[in-house]
Amino acid sequence: MGLLEDKRRARIFYKYLSKIYDIINPLFWTISMRECALDLFNIGHTDKILDVGCGTGFGTEGLLNRAPNIHGIDQSIHQLNKARKKFSKPSLIPLYIGDAENLPFPDGTFDAAWSSGSIEYWPNPIETLSEIRRIVKPSGKVLIVGPRKPKGLLSRTLATSLMLFYTESEADHLFSAAGFENIQHTLLQAHVGSPSAIVTLATVPSSKK
């Protein structure tokens, strides 16, 4: 388990990173990449969507351009405070402080769920993906963006010592073990030579077990 795959350390990390997050984030996760992922997500205008690990609201902003009923949750109050400042009417965008492993919603509350830049901090990714599956309606879609494991031994060792990085085959295992179907992966990059993001789109079974 990586250094930041610990909730307490991650909260401390984001207490300070939140001050410069919106400056650093576009180096790895650009508006263009976000829009490509949103095109893959293909949500409906009336869908009720949860942004898991919404952070400062970068993904939330993109989702709001596609559908008005967007909710966000993050464990960092510092990140959420940044998100609240972004929206002209923050009271219309419910933002919750909470843990992705224990989402405070009944089964099947949302039509779909999105998460970008969060899975790498989850100590128990299969359990967390299962929890996300729980709060999405049967046949609903879930899209997760996470960091692809580097190929070089040194960079791979350094990356995985900090947080979760994974390959497409490892993502298959995570999502299958969490009970998802129709699992598809797309790789996105900010520019040639930059780290790749794995965009995984999957569906909740039509009949939950």
N, C-alpha and C. Protein backbone atom coordinates (compact mmCIF):
# COMPACT_ATOMS: atom_id res chain seq x y z
N MET A 1 0.84 -1.20 0.00
CA MET A 1 0.00 0.00 0.00
C MET A 1 0.87 1.24 0.00
N GLY A 2 0.54 2.21 -0.86
CA GLY A 2 1.32 3.43 -0.96
C GLY A 2 1.16 4.35 0.23
N LEU A 3 2.09 5.26 0.37
CA LEU A 3 2.11 6.18 1.51
C LEU A 3 0.81 6.95 1.66
N LEU A 4 0.23 7.39 0.53
CA LEU A 4 -0.97 8.22 0.59
C LEU A 4 -2.27 7.42 0.51
N GLU A 5 -2.15 6.09 0.48
CA GLU A 5 -3.35 5.24 0.56
C GLU A 5 -3.71 5.03 2.04
N ASP A 6 -3.74 6.10 2.73
CA ASP A 6 -4.06 6.15 4.14
C ASP A 6 -4.90 7.40 4.34
N LYS A 7 -6.08 7.26 4.90
CA LYS A 7 -7.02 8.38 4.93
C LYS A 7 -6.49 9.57 5.72
N ARG A 8 -5.86 9.30 6.84
CA ARG A 8 -5.36 10.41 7.66
C ARG A 8 -4.25 11.15 6.93
N ARG A 9 -3.29 10.40 6.36
CA ARG A 9 -2.19 11.05 5.63
C ARG A 9 -2.71 11.79 4.41
N ALA A 10 -3.70 11.19 3.72
CA ALA A 10 -4.27 11.84 2.53
C ALA A 10 -4.94 13.16 2.89
N ARG A 11 -5.66 13.19 4.03
CA ARG A 11 -6.31 14.44 4.46
C ARG A 11 -5.28 15.53 4.76
N ILE A 12 -4.20 15.14 5.41
CA ILE A 12 -3.13 16.11 5.71
C ILE A 12 -2.49 16.59 4.42
N PHE A 13 -2.25 15.66 3.50
CA PHE A 13 -1.64 16.00 2.20
C PHE A 13 -2.49 17.02 1.46
N TYR A 14 -3.81 16.80 1.43
CA TYR A 14 -4.68 17.70 0.68
C TYR A 14 -4.96 19.00 1.41
N LYS A 15 -4.72 19.03 2.71
CA LYS A 15 -4.84 20.30 3.44
C LYS A 15 -3.90 21.34 2.84
N TYR A 16 -2.72 20.90 2.43
CA TYR A 16 -1.73 21.80 1.86
C TYR A 16 -1.80 21.85 0.34
N LEU A 17 -2.05 20.69 -0.28
CA LEU A 17 -2.11 20.65 -1.74
C LEU A 17 -3.29 21.46 -2.27
N SER A 18 -4.36 21.56 -1.49
CA SER A 18 -5.55 22.28 -1.95
C SER A 18 -5.25 23.73 -2.33
N LYS A 19 -4.20 24.29 -1.73
CA LYS A 19 -3.83 25.68 -2.01
C LYS A 19 -3.34 25.87 -3.44
N ILE A 20 -2.72 24.81 -4.01
CA ILE A 20 -2.15 24.93 -5.35
C ILE A 20 -2.68 23.86 -6.31
N TYR A 21 -3.69 23.10 -5.86
CA TYR A 21 -4.17 21.97 -6.64
C TYR A 21 -4.62 22.37 -8.04
N ASP A 22 -5.34 23.48 -8.15
CA ASP A 22 -5.87 23.89 -9.45
C ASP A 22 -4.78 24.41 -10.39
N ILE A 23 -3.60 24.64 -9.86
CA ILE A 23 -2.46 25.02 -10.70
C ILE A 23 -1.73 23.78 -11.21
N ILE A 24 -1.59 22.78 -10.34
CA ILE A 24 -0.86 21.57 -10.68
C ILE A 24 -1.70 20.60 -11.51
N ASN A 25 -2.98 20.48 -11.18
CA ASN A 25 -3.84 19.49 -11.80
C ASN A 25 -3.84 19.52 -13.33
N PRO A 26 -3.90 20.71 -13.98
CA PRO A 26 -3.94 20.74 -15.45
C PRO A 26 -2.69 20.19 -16.14
N LEU A 27 -1.62 19.99 -15.38
CA LEU A 27 -0.42 19.40 -15.97
C LEU A 27 -0.64 17.93 -16.30
N PHE A 28 -1.58 17.29 -15.59
CA PHE A 28 -1.80 15.86 -15.76
C PHE A 28 -3.22 15.51 -16.19
N TRP A 29 -4.17 16.37 -15.84
CA TRP A 29 -5.58 16.09 -16.12
C TRP A 29 -6.20 17.37 -16.66
N THR A 30 -6.23 17.47 -17.98
CA THR A 30 -6.61 18.71 -18.65
C THR A 30 -8.11 18.77 -18.94
N ILE A 31 -8.56 19.96 -19.32
CA ILE A 31 -9.96 20.11 -19.72
C ILE A 31 -10.28 19.21 -20.91
N SER A 32 -9.35 19.13 -21.86
CA SER A 32 -9.55 18.28 -23.03
C SER A 32 -9.71 16.82 -22.63
N MET A 33 -8.88 16.35 -21.70
CA MET A 33 -8.99 14.97 -21.23
C MET A 33 -10.32 14.75 -20.52
N ARG A 34 -10.69 15.71 -19.69
CA ARG A 34 -11.96 15.62 -18.97
C ARG A 34 -13.13 15.52 -19.94
N GLU A 35 -13.10 16.35 -21.00
CA GLU A 35 -14.19 16.34 -21.96
C GLU A 35 -14.24 15.03 -22.74
N CYS A 36 -13.08 14.45 -23.03
CA CYS A 36 -13.05 13.13 -23.69
C CYS A 36 -13.69 12.08 -22.80
N ALA A 37 -13.35 12.13 -21.50
CA ALA A 37 -13.94 11.18 -20.55
C ALA A 37 -15.44 11.39 -20.43
N LEU A 38 -15.89 12.64 -20.42
CA LEU A 38 -17.32 12.93 -20.34
C LEU A 38 -18.06 12.45 -21.58
N ASP A 39 -17.42 12.55 -22.74
CA ASP A 39 -18.03 12.02 -23.95
C ASP A 39 -18.24 10.51 -23.85
N LEU A 40 -17.24 9.83 -23.26
CA LEU A 40 -17.36 8.38 -23.06
C LEU A 40 -18.47 8.06 -22.06
N PHE A 41 -18.58 8.88 -21.03
CA PHE A 41 -19.59 8.69 -19.98
C PHE A 41 -20.99 8.82 -20.55
N ASN A 42 -21.19 9.82 -21.40
CA ASN A 42 -22.45 9.98 -22.16
C ASN A 42 -23.68 9.95 -21.25
N ILE A 43 -23.67 10.81 -20.23
CA ILE A 43 -24.79 10.86 -19.30
C ILE A 43 -25.97 11.62 -19.91
N GLY A 44 -27.16 11.34 -19.39
CA GLY A 44 -28.35 12.05 -19.84
C GLY A 44 -28.56 13.33 -19.05
N HIS A 45 -29.26 14.27 -19.65
CA HIS A 45 -29.45 15.58 -19.02
C HIS A 45 -30.24 15.47 -17.71
N THR A 46 -31.08 14.47 -17.59
CA THR A 46 -31.89 14.34 -16.38
C THR A 46 -31.27 13.39 -15.36
N ASP A 47 -30.10 12.86 -15.65
CA ASP A 47 -29.48 11.91 -14.73
C ASP A 47 -29.02 12.59 -13.45
N LYS A 48 -29.13 11.86 -12.36
CA LYS A 48 -28.61 12.29 -11.06
C LYS A 48 -27.26 11.62 -10.87
N ILE A 49 -26.20 12.44 -10.75
CA ILE A 49 -24.83 11.92 -10.78
C ILE A 49 -24.11 12.24 -9.47
N LEU A 50 -23.32 11.28 -8.98
CA LEU A 50 -22.44 11.53 -7.84
C LEU A 50 -21.00 11.59 -8.31
N ASP A 51 -20.31 12.67 -7.93
CA ASP A 51 -18.87 12.82 -8.19
C ASP A 51 -18.14 12.40 -6.91
N VAL A 52 -17.53 11.23 -6.95
CA VAL A 52 -16.87 10.65 -5.77
C VAL A 52 -15.42 11.14 -5.71
N GLY A 53 -15.06 11.76 -4.59
CA GLY A 53 -13.73 12.37 -4.50
C GLY A 53 -13.66 13.60 -5.38
N CYS A 54 -14.65 14.46 -5.25
CA CYS A 54 -14.81 15.59 -6.18
C CYS A 54 -13.71 16.64 -6.04
N GLY A 55 -12.97 16.64 -4.93
CA GLY A 55 -11.87 17.57 -4.76
C GLY A 55 -12.31 19.02 -4.87
N THR A 56 -11.57 19.80 -5.65
CA THR A 56 -11.88 21.22 -5.81
C THR A 56 -12.96 21.48 -6.85
N GLY A 57 -13.53 20.41 -7.42
CA GLY A 57 -14.67 20.57 -8.33
C GLY A 57 -14.34 20.61 -9.80
N PHE A 58 -13.15 20.17 -10.18
CA PHE A 58 -12.79 20.21 -11.60
C PHE A 58 -13.69 19.28 -12.41
N GLY A 59 -13.86 18.05 -11.93
CA GLY A 59 -14.75 17.13 -12.62
C GLY A 59 -16.20 17.56 -12.50
N THR A 60 -16.55 18.11 -11.34
CA THR A 60 -17.92 18.57 -11.09
C THR A 60 -18.32 19.63 -12.10
N GLU A 61 -17.42 20.55 -12.40
CA GLU A 61 -17.69 21.60 -13.38
C GLU A 61 -18.04 21.00 -14.73
N GLY A 62 -17.26 20.01 -15.15
CA GLY A 62 -17.52 19.36 -16.44
C GLY A 62 -18.84 18.63 -16.45
N LEU A 63 -19.14 17.94 -15.35
CA LEU A 63 -20.41 17.23 -15.25
C LEU A 63 -21.59 18.19 -15.31
N LEU A 64 -21.45 19.35 -14.67
CA LEU A 64 -22.54 20.33 -14.66
C LEU A 64 -22.83 20.89 -16.05
N ASN A 65 -21.88 20.82 -16.94
CA ASN A 65 -22.12 21.25 -18.32
C ASN A 65 -22.95 20.24 -19.09
N ARG A 66 -23.06 19.04 -18.52
CA ARG A 66 -23.82 17.98 -19.20
C ARG A 66 -25.16 17.68 -18.52
N ALA A 67 -25.24 17.91 -17.21
CA ALA A 67 -26.47 17.61 -16.46
C ALA A 67 -26.51 18.49 -15.21
N PRO A 68 -27.67 18.97 -14.82
CA PRO A 68 -27.74 19.90 -13.69
C PRO A 68 -27.76 19.25 -12.31
N ASN A 69 -28.13 17.96 -12.24
CA ASN A 69 -28.33 17.32 -10.94
C ASN A 69 -27.06 16.56 -10.52
N ILE A 70 -26.06 17.33 -10.11
CA ILE A 70 -24.75 16.77 -9.75
C ILE A 70 -24.52 16.93 -8.25
N HIS A 71 -24.05 15.86 -7.62
CA HIS A 71 -23.69 15.87 -6.21
C HIS A 71 -22.21 15.50 -6.10
N GLY A 72 -21.53 16.06 -5.10
CA GLY A 72 -20.12 15.75 -4.91
C GLY A 72 -19.83 15.37 -3.48
N ILE A 73 -18.84 14.49 -3.30
CA ILE A 73 -18.41 14.09 -1.96
C ILE A 73 -16.90 13.96 -1.93
N ASP A 74 -16.30 14.41 -0.83
CA ASP A 74 -14.85 14.31 -0.66
C ASP A 74 -14.54 14.26 0.83
N GLN A 75 -13.44 13.61 1.17
CA GLN A 75 -13.07 13.52 2.59
C GLN A 75 -12.30 14.75 3.07
N SER A 76 -11.87 15.61 2.15
CA SER A 76 -11.08 16.78 2.52
C SER A 76 -11.94 18.04 2.57
N ILE A 77 -12.12 18.60 3.74
CA ILE A 77 -12.88 19.84 3.86
C ILE A 77 -12.19 20.98 3.14
N HIS A 78 -10.87 20.93 3.06
CA HIS A 78 -10.11 21.99 2.38
C HIS A 78 -10.38 21.96 0.87
N GLN A 79 -10.44 20.77 0.30
CA GLN A 79 -10.78 20.65 -1.11
C GLN A 79 -12.22 21.08 -1.36
N LEU A 80 -13.13 20.68 -0.50
CA LEU A 80 -14.54 21.04 -0.67
C LEU A 80 -14.75 22.55 -0.57
N ASN A 81 -14.03 23.18 0.33
CA ASN A 81 -14.16 24.64 0.44
C ASN A 81 -13.73 25.33 -0.85
N LYS A 82 -12.70 24.80 -1.50
CA LYS A 82 -12.28 25.33 -2.81
C LYS A 82 -13.38 25.11 -3.84
N ALA A 83 -14.01 23.94 -3.80
CA ALA A 83 -15.08 23.64 -4.76
C ALA A 83 -16.25 24.59 -4.57
N ARG A 84 -16.62 24.84 -3.33
CA ARG A 84 -17.77 25.70 -3.05
C ARG A 84 -17.58 27.11 -3.61
N LYS A 85 -16.35 27.58 -3.65
CA LYS A 85 -16.07 28.92 -4.14
C LYS A 85 -16.19 29.01 -5.67
N LYS A 86 -16.17 27.87 -6.34
CA LYS A 86 -16.18 27.88 -7.80
C LYS A 86 -17.56 28.11 -8.40
N PHE A 87 -18.57 27.74 -7.65
CA PHE A 87 -19.91 27.74 -8.23
C PHE A 87 -20.69 28.96 -7.79
N SER A 88 -21.36 29.60 -8.75
CA SER A 88 -22.08 30.85 -8.45
C SER A 88 -23.23 30.61 -7.49
N LYS A 89 -23.81 29.42 -7.55
CA LYS A 89 -24.89 29.08 -6.62
C LYS A 89 -24.56 27.74 -5.96
N PRO A 90 -23.58 27.75 -5.02
CA PRO A 90 -23.13 26.49 -4.42
C PRO A 90 -24.22 25.75 -3.68
N SER A 91 -25.25 26.47 -3.21
CA SER A 91 -26.33 25.80 -2.47
C SER A 91 -27.12 24.85 -3.37
N LEU A 92 -27.05 25.06 -4.70
CA LEU A 92 -27.76 24.21 -5.64
C LEU A 92 -26.95 22.96 -6.00
N ILE A 93 -25.70 22.91 -5.56
CA ILE A 93 -24.83 21.77 -5.85
C ILE A 93 -24.46 21.13 -4.51
N PRO A 94 -25.15 20.08 -4.11
CA PRO A 94 -24.86 19.46 -2.82
C PRO A 94 -23.44 18.89 -2.79
N LEU A 95 -22.65 19.34 -1.83
CA LEU A 95 -21.29 18.85 -1.64
C LEU A 95 -21.17 18.32 -0.22
N TYR A 96 -20.79 17.05 -0.11
CA TYR A 96 -20.79 16.38 1.18
C TYR A 96 -19.35 16.07 1.61
N ILE A 97 -19.10 16.19 2.91
CA ILE A 97 -17.85 15.69 3.47
C ILE A 97 -18.10 14.24 3.83
N GLY A 98 -17.29 13.33 3.30
CA GLY A 98 -17.56 11.92 3.56
C GLY A 98 -16.51 11.01 2.96
N ASP A 99 -16.65 9.74 3.27
CA ASP A 99 -15.69 8.70 2.93
C ASP A 99 -16.24 7.85 1.79
N ALA A 100 -15.44 7.67 0.75
CA ALA A 100 -15.89 6.89 -0.41
C ALA A 100 -16.16 5.43 -0.05
N GLU A 101 -15.55 4.94 1.02
CA GLU A 101 -15.79 3.57 1.44
C GLU A 101 -17.13 3.40 2.14
N ASN A 102 -17.68 4.49 2.63
CA ASN A 102 -18.95 4.45 3.36
C ASN A 102 -19.82 5.62 2.91
N LEU A 103 -20.35 5.51 1.71
CA LEU A 103 -21.12 6.61 1.14
C LEU A 103 -22.47 6.76 1.86
N PRO A 104 -22.82 7.98 2.25
CA PRO A 104 -24.02 8.20 3.07
C PRO A 104 -25.31 8.29 2.26
N PHE A 105 -25.53 7.30 1.38
CA PHE A 105 -26.70 7.31 0.52
C PHE A 105 -27.32 5.92 0.48
N PRO A 106 -28.64 5.84 0.35
CA PRO A 106 -29.29 4.53 0.20
C PRO A 106 -28.91 3.86 -1.12
N ASP A 107 -29.17 2.58 -1.20
CA ASP A 107 -28.92 1.83 -2.42
C ASP A 107 -29.65 2.47 -3.60
N GLY A 108 -28.98 2.52 -4.75
CA GLY A 108 -29.62 2.98 -5.98
C GLY A 108 -30.06 4.43 -5.99
N THR A 109 -29.36 5.28 -5.23
CA THR A 109 -29.73 6.70 -5.16
C THR A 109 -29.45 7.43 -6.47
N PHE A 110 -28.39 7.04 -7.17
CA PHE A 110 -27.93 7.79 -8.34
C PHE A 110 -28.07 6.99 -9.63
N ASP A 111 -28.23 7.73 -10.73
CA ASP A 111 -28.29 7.09 -12.05
C ASP A 111 -26.91 6.68 -12.53
N ALA A 112 -25.88 7.40 -12.07
CA ALA A 112 -24.51 7.11 -12.49
C ALA A 112 -23.55 7.73 -11.48
N ALA A 113 -22.30 7.31 -11.53
CA ALA A 113 -21.28 7.87 -10.65
C ALA A 113 -19.99 8.07 -11.44
N TRP A 114 -19.30 9.13 -11.07
CA TRP A 114 -18.03 9.54 -11.71
C TRP A 114 -17.00 9.73 -10.62
N SER A 115 -15.75 9.42 -10.91
CA SER A 115 -14.67 9.70 -9.97
C SER A 115 -13.39 9.90 -10.76
N SER A 116 -12.77 11.05 -10.60
CA SER A 116 -11.50 11.33 -11.30
C SER A 116 -10.46 11.81 -10.29
N GLY A 117 -9.30 11.14 -10.29
CA GLY A 117 -8.23 11.53 -9.40
C GLY A 117 -8.46 11.17 -7.95
N SER A 118 -9.20 10.09 -7.72
CA SER A 118 -9.51 9.70 -6.34
C SER A 118 -9.11 8.26 -6.03
N ILE A 119 -9.28 7.35 -6.98
CA ILE A 119 -9.05 5.92 -6.73
C ILE A 119 -7.64 5.65 -6.24
N GLU A 120 -6.68 6.46 -6.65
CA GLU A 120 -5.30 6.21 -6.26
C GLU A 120 -5.05 6.37 -4.76
N TYR A 121 -6.00 7.00 -4.07
CA TYR A 121 -5.87 7.20 -2.62
C TYR A 121 -6.69 6.21 -1.80
N TRP A 122 -7.43 5.33 -2.46
CA TRP A 122 -8.31 4.42 -1.73
C TRP A 122 -7.52 3.25 -1.16
N PRO A 123 -7.57 3.04 0.17
CA PRO A 123 -6.85 1.91 0.76
C PRO A 123 -7.42 0.55 0.32
N ASN A 124 -8.73 0.53 0.05
CA ASN A 124 -9.40 -0.72 -0.32
C ASN A 124 -10.22 -0.50 -1.60
N PRO A 125 -9.56 -0.48 -2.76
CA PRO A 125 -10.26 -0.10 -3.99
C PRO A 125 -11.43 -1.02 -4.37
N ILE A 126 -11.31 -2.32 -4.13
CA ILE A 126 -12.41 -3.21 -4.49
C ILE A 126 -13.63 -2.92 -3.62
N GLU A 127 -13.40 -2.77 -2.31
CA GLU A 127 -14.50 -2.46 -1.40
C GLU A 127 -15.13 -1.11 -1.74
N THR A 128 -14.30 -0.14 -2.12
CA THR A 128 -14.82 1.19 -2.45
C THR A 128 -15.61 1.16 -3.75
N LEU A 129 -15.10 0.44 -4.75
CA LEU A 129 -15.84 0.29 -6.00
C LEU A 129 -17.17 -0.42 -5.75
N SER A 130 -17.18 -1.40 -4.87
CA SER A 130 -18.42 -2.09 -4.53
C SER A 130 -19.42 -1.14 -3.87
N GLU A 131 -18.91 -0.22 -3.05
CA GLU A 131 -19.77 0.76 -2.40
C GLU A 131 -20.35 1.73 -3.43
N ILE A 132 -19.55 2.12 -4.40
CA ILE A 132 -20.05 2.98 -5.47
C ILE A 132 -21.11 2.24 -6.29
N ARG A 133 -20.85 0.97 -6.57
CA ARG A 133 -21.85 0.16 -7.29
C ARG A 133 -23.16 0.12 -6.52
N ARG A 134 -23.08 0.04 -5.20
CA ARG A 134 -24.28 -0.05 -4.35
C ARG A 134 -25.20 1.15 -4.51
N ILE A 135 -24.62 2.34 -4.62
CA ILE A 135 -25.46 3.55 -4.63
C ILE A 135 -25.90 3.95 -6.04
N VAL A 136 -25.50 3.17 -7.04
CA VAL A 136 -25.93 3.42 -8.43
C VAL A 136 -27.03 2.42 -8.79
N LYS A 137 -28.02 2.89 -9.52
CA LYS A 137 -29.14 2.05 -9.90
C LYS A 137 -28.69 0.90 -10.81
N PRO A 138 -29.43 -0.21 -10.82
CA PRO A 138 -29.13 -1.30 -11.76
C PRO A 138 -29.07 -0.77 -13.19
N SER A 139 -28.09 -1.25 -13.93
CA SER A 139 -27.81 -0.86 -15.32
C SER A 139 -27.21 0.54 -15.43
N GLY A 140 -26.95 1.20 -14.29
CA GLY A 140 -26.33 2.52 -14.32
C GLY A 140 -24.84 2.44 -14.65
N LYS A 141 -24.29 3.56 -15.05
CA LYS A 141 -22.89 3.62 -15.46
C LYS A 141 -22.01 4.20 -14.36
N VAL A 142 -20.78 3.72 -14.33
CA VAL A 142 -19.77 4.26 -13.42
C VAL A 142 -18.50 4.50 -14.25
N LEU A 143 -17.94 5.70 -14.10
CA LEU A 143 -16.69 6.03 -14.79
C LEU A 143 -15.65 6.44 -13.76
N ILE A 144 -14.51 5.79 -13.80
CA ILE A 144 -13.42 6.05 -12.86
C ILE A 144 -12.16 6.40 -13.65
N VAL A 145 -11.53 7.50 -13.26
CA VAL A 145 -10.25 7.90 -13.87
C VAL A 145 -9.15 7.72 -12.84
N GLY A 146 -8.14 6.94 -13.20
CA GLY A 146 -7.02 6.71 -12.29
C GLY A 146 -5.70 6.69 -13.05
N PRO A 147 -4.58 6.67 -12.33
CA PRO A 147 -3.27 6.74 -12.98
C PRO A 147 -2.76 5.38 -13.45
N ARG A 148 -2.31 5.33 -14.67
CA ARG A 148 -1.75 4.09 -15.23
C ARG A 148 -0.36 3.86 -14.67
N LYS A 149 -0.06 2.64 -14.35
CA LYS A 149 1.23 2.28 -13.79
C LYS A 149 2.35 2.55 -14.80
N PRO A 150 3.41 3.30 -14.42
CA PRO A 150 4.52 3.56 -15.36
C PRO A 150 5.22 2.27 -15.77
N LYS A 151 5.86 2.30 -16.93
CA LYS A 151 6.52 1.10 -17.43
C LYS A 151 7.92 0.91 -16.85
N GLY A 152 8.66 2.00 -16.65
CA GLY A 152 10.02 1.89 -16.14
C GLY A 152 10.04 1.40 -14.70
N LEU A 153 11.01 0.55 -14.38
CA LEU A 153 11.09 -0.04 -13.05
C LEU A 153 11.24 1.02 -11.96
N LEU A 154 12.11 1.99 -12.17
CA LEU A 154 12.35 3.02 -11.16
C LEU A 154 11.11 3.89 -10.94
N SER A 155 10.53 4.37 -12.05
CA SER A 155 9.36 5.23 -11.93
C SER A 155 8.16 4.46 -11.38
N ARG A 156 8.06 3.18 -11.76
CA ARG A 156 6.97 2.35 -11.24
C ARG A 156 7.11 2.13 -9.74
N THR A 157 8.33 1.86 -9.30
CA THR A 157 8.57 1.64 -7.87
C THR A 157 8.27 2.90 -7.07
N LEU A 158 8.72 4.05 -7.59
CA LEU A 158 8.47 5.31 -6.89
C LEU A 158 6.98 5.62 -6.85
N ALA A 159 6.30 5.44 -7.98
CA ALA A 159 4.87 5.77 -8.07
C ALA A 159 4.05 4.92 -7.10
N THR A 160 4.29 3.61 -7.13
CA THR A 160 3.47 2.72 -6.30
C THR A 160 3.82 2.82 -4.82
N SER A 161 4.97 3.41 -4.49
CA SER A 161 5.29 3.63 -3.08
C SER A 161 4.46 4.78 -2.51
N LEU A 162 3.91 5.62 -3.38
CA LEU A 162 3.11 6.77 -2.94
C LEU A 162 1.62 6.48 -2.93
N MET A 163 1.13 5.82 -4.00
CA MET A 163 -0.31 5.61 -4.12
C MET A 163 -0.57 4.49 -5.12
N LEU A 164 -1.84 4.23 -5.36
CA LEU A 164 -2.23 3.16 -6.27
C LEU A 164 -2.05 3.58 -7.73
N PHE A 165 -1.21 2.87 -8.44
CA PHE A 165 -1.12 2.95 -9.89
C PHE A 165 -1.42 1.55 -10.40
N TYR A 166 -2.06 1.44 -11.57
CA TYR A 166 -2.46 0.11 -12.02
C TYR A 166 -2.46 0.03 -13.54
N THR A 167 -2.49 -1.18 -14.05
CA THR A 167 -2.55 -1.44 -15.48
C THR A 167 -4.00 -1.73 -15.87
N GLU A 168 -4.23 -1.85 -17.16
CA GLU A 168 -5.58 -2.17 -17.62
C GLU A 168 -6.03 -3.53 -17.11
N SER A 169 -5.13 -4.52 -17.11
CA SER A 169 -5.51 -5.85 -16.63
C SER A 169 -5.81 -5.82 -15.13
N GLU A 170 -5.05 -5.03 -14.38
CA GLU A 170 -5.33 -4.90 -12.95
C GLU A 170 -6.66 -4.18 -12.71
N ALA A 171 -6.98 -3.21 -13.57
CA ALA A 171 -8.27 -2.54 -13.48
C ALA A 171 -9.40 -3.53 -13.76
N ASP A 172 -9.20 -4.42 -14.74
CA ASP A 172 -10.20 -5.46 -15.01
C ASP A 172 -10.50 -6.26 -13.75
N HIS A 173 -9.44 -6.63 -13.03
CA HIS A 173 -9.62 -7.41 -11.81
C HIS A 173 -10.39 -6.62 -10.76
N LEU A 174 -10.01 -5.36 -10.55
CA LEU A 174 -10.66 -4.53 -9.53
C LEU A 174 -12.15 -4.39 -9.80
N PHE A 175 -12.49 -4.06 -11.03
CA PHE A 175 -13.89 -3.81 -11.37
C PHE A 175 -14.71 -5.10 -11.41
N SER A 176 -14.11 -6.19 -11.89
CA SER A 176 -14.81 -7.47 -11.92
C SER A 176 -15.08 -7.95 -10.50
N ALA A 177 -14.06 -7.82 -9.63
CA ALA A 177 -14.22 -8.25 -8.24
C ALA A 177 -15.26 -7.42 -7.51
N ALA A 178 -15.43 -6.17 -7.94
CA ALA A 178 -16.44 -5.29 -7.32
C ALA A 178 -17.83 -5.50 -7.89
N GLY A 179 -17.95 -6.39 -8.89
CA GLY A 179 -19.27 -6.75 -9.39
C GLY A 179 -19.75 -5.99 -10.61
N PHE A 180 -18.85 -5.32 -11.32
CA PHE A 180 -19.25 -4.56 -12.51
C PHE A 180 -19.24 -5.43 -13.76
N GLU A 181 -19.95 -4.96 -14.77
CA GLU A 181 -20.00 -5.61 -16.07
C GLU A 181 -19.60 -4.61 -17.16
N ASN A 182 -19.39 -5.15 -18.39
CA ASN A 182 -19.12 -4.32 -19.57
C ASN A 182 -17.96 -3.33 -19.30
N ILE A 183 -16.86 -3.85 -18.80
CA ILE A 183 -15.73 -3.02 -18.39
C ILE A 183 -14.88 -2.65 -19.60
N GLN A 184 -14.70 -1.35 -19.81
CA GLN A 184 -13.91 -0.84 -20.94
C GLN A 184 -12.91 0.20 -20.46
N HIS A 185 -11.73 0.19 -21.05
CA HIS A 185 -10.68 1.13 -20.65
C HIS A 185 -10.24 2.00 -21.84
N THR A 186 -9.99 3.25 -21.56
CA THR A 186 -9.46 4.19 -22.55
C THR A 186 -8.29 4.93 -21.90
N LEU A 187 -7.17 5.06 -22.64
CA LEU A 187 -6.01 5.77 -22.11
C LEU A 187 -6.02 7.20 -22.63
N LEU A 188 -5.75 8.16 -21.74
CA LEU A 188 -5.67 9.56 -22.10
C LEU A 188 -4.37 10.15 -21.56
N GLN A 189 -3.80 11.10 -22.31
CA GLN A 189 -2.58 11.79 -21.91
C GLN A 189 -2.74 13.29 -22.12
N ALA A 190 -2.12 14.08 -21.25
CA ALA A 190 -2.11 15.53 -21.43
C ALA A 190 -1.28 15.90 -22.65
N HIS A 191 -0.15 15.24 -22.80
CA HIS A 191 0.72 15.43 -23.96
C HIS A 191 1.68 14.26 -24.04
N VAL A 192 2.37 14.11 -25.16
CA VAL A 192 3.29 12.99 -25.36
C VAL A 192 4.37 13.03 -24.27
N GLY A 193 4.54 11.91 -23.61
CA GLY A 193 5.55 11.82 -22.56
C GLY A 193 5.01 12.04 -21.17
N SER A 194 3.79 12.57 -21.06
CA SER A 194 3.20 12.78 -19.74
C SER A 194 2.58 11.48 -19.25
N PRO A 195 2.32 11.34 -17.94
CA PRO A 195 1.70 10.12 -17.42
C PRO A 195 0.33 9.88 -18.05
N SER A 196 0.01 8.62 -18.24
CA SER A 196 -1.29 8.26 -18.82
C SER A 196 -2.33 8.06 -17.73
N ALA A 197 -3.55 8.43 -18.04
CA ALA A 197 -4.68 8.14 -17.16
C ALA A 197 -5.49 7.01 -17.78
N ILE A 198 -5.96 6.12 -16.93
CA ILE A 198 -6.86 5.05 -17.38
C ILE A 198 -8.29 5.49 -17.07
N VAL A 199 -9.09 5.60 -18.10
CA VAL A 199 -10.52 5.92 -17.93
C VAL A 199 -11.27 4.60 -18.07
N THR A 200 -11.89 4.17 -16.98
CA THR A 200 -12.62 2.91 -16.99
C THR A 200 -14.12 3.20 -16.91
N LEU A 201 -14.84 2.68 -17.88
CA LEU A 201 -16.30 2.80 -17.92
C LEU A 201 -16.88 1.39 -17.70
N ALA A 202 -17.80 1.27 -16.77
CA ALA A 202 -18.41 -0.01 -16.47
C ALA A 202 -19.87 0.20 -16.11
N THR A 203 -20.62 -0.88 -16.11
CA THR A 203 -22.04 -0.80 -15.77
C THR A 203 -22.37 -1.69 -14.58
N VAL A 204 -23.36 -1.24 -13.82
CA VAL A 204 -23.90 -2.01 -12.72
C VAL A 204 -24.80 -3.09 -13.32
N PRO A 205 -24.71 -4.33 -12.86
CA PRO A 205 -25.59 -5.37 -13.40
C PRO A 205 -27.06 -4.98 -13.28
N SER A 206 -27.84 -5.43 -14.23
CA SER A 206 -29.27 -5.09 -14.24
C SER A 206 -30.00 -5.71 -13.05
N SER A 207 -29.46 -6.81 -12.55
CA SER A 207 -30.01 -7.45 -11.36
C SER A 207 -28.88 -7.59 -10.36
N LYS A 208 -28.91 -6.78 -9.30
CA LYS A 208 -27.85 -6.82 -8.30
C LYS A 208 -27.98 -8.08 -7.45
N LYS A 209 -26.79 -8.66 -7.15
CA LYS A 209 -26.77 -9.85 -6.32
C LYS A 209 -26.60 -9.45 -4.87
